[in-house]
């Protein structure tokens, strides 16, 4: 797959989103390092 494929075929994006949700499951992202946000984001 190339970057042009989703532009030419929008249904491909739907398939990719479905696959992502299937692989991800119910997992929630948890950062490995706890603490305040980086200085640039405060």
C-alpha atoms as a PDB file:
ATOM      1  CA  UNK A   1       0.000   0.000   0.000  1.00  0.00           C
ATOM      2  CA  UNK A   2       1.216   3.486  -0.827  1.00  0.00           C
ATOM      3  CA  UNK A   3       0.002   6.908   0.336  1.00  0.00           C
ATOM      4  CA  UNK A   4      -1.891   7.316  -2.936  1.00  0.00           C
ATOM      5  CA  UNK A   5      -4.043   4.219  -2.360  1.00  0.00           C
ATOM      6  CA  UNK A   6      -6.333   5.745   0.334  1.00  0.00           C
ATOM      7  CA  UNK A   7      -6.801   8.858  -1.799  1.00  0.00           C
ATOM      8  CA  UNK A   8      -7.853   6.788  -4.789  1.00  0.00           C
ATOM      9  CA  UNK A   9      -9.956   4.366  -2.716  1.00  0.00           C
ATOM     10  CA  UNK A  10     -11.692   5.971   0.338  1.00  0.00           C
ATOM     11  CA  UNK A  11     -13.171   2.599   1.406  1.00  0.00           C
ATOM     12  CA  UNK A  12      -9.621   1.508   2.148  1.00  0.00           C
ATOM     13  CA  UNK A  13      -9.537   4.009   5.032  1.00  0.00           C
ATOM     14  CA  UNK A  14     -12.637   2.384   6.540  1.00  0.00           C
ATOM     15  CA  UNK A  15     -11.007  -1.053   6.334  1.00  0.00           C
ATOM     16  CA  UNK A  16      -7.839   0.242   7.986  1.00  0.00           C
ATOM     17  CA  UNK A  17      -9.844   1.850  10.812  1.00  0.00           C
ATOM     18  CA  UNK A  18     -11.742  -1.415  11.402  1.00  0.00           C
ATOM     19  CA  UNK A  19      -8.494  -3.384  11.510  1.00  0.00           C
ATOM     20  CA  UNK A  20      -6.981  -0.885  13.960  1.00  0.00           C
ATOM     21  CA  UNK A  21      -9.976  -1.161  16.316  1.00  0.00           C
ATOM     22  CA  UNK A  22      -9.856  -4.967  16.099  1.00  0.00           C
ATOM     23  CA  UNK A  23      -6.132  -5.132  16.886  1.00  0.00           C
ATOM     24  CA  UNK A  24      -6.294  -2.482  19.611  1.00  0.00           C
ATOM     25  CA  UNK A  25      -9.219  -4.075  21.417  1.00  0.00           C
ATOM     26  CA  UNK A  26     -10.061  -2.541  24.789  1.00  0.00           C
ATOM     27  CA  UNK A  27      -6.495  -1.506  25.613  1.00  0.00           C
ATOM     28  CA  UNK A  28      -6.004   2.054  26.807  1.00  0.00           C
ATOM     29  CA  UNK A  29      -2.711   3.876  26.263  1.00  0.00           C
ATOM     30  CA  UNK A  30      -0.794   4.399  29.478  1.00  0.00           C
ATOM     31  CA  UNK A  31       2.401   6.492  29.298  1.00  0.00           C
ATOM     32  CA  UNK A  32       5.501   4.750  30.629  1.00  0.00           C
ATOM     33  CA  UNK A  33       6.751   7.873  32.380  1.00  0.00           C
ATOM     34  CA  UNK A  34       4.472   9.611  34.854  1.00  0.00           C
ATOM     35  CA  UNK A  35       4.872  13.283  35.546  1.00  0.00           C
ATOM     36  CA  UNK A  36       4.059  16.763  34.310  1.00  0.00           C
ATOM     37  CA  UNK A  37       3.683  17.659  30.659  1.00  0.00           C
ATOM     38  CA  UNK A  38       6.768  18.814  28.743  1.00  0.00           C
ATOM     39  CA  UNK A  39       7.634  22.498  29.159  1.00  0.00           C
ATOM     40  CA  UNK A  40       6.413  23.450  25.672  1.00  0.00           C
ATOM     41  CA  UNK A  41       2.896  22.157  26.423  1.00  0.00           C
ATOM     42  CA  UNK A  42       2.309  23.987  29.724  1.00  0.00           C
END
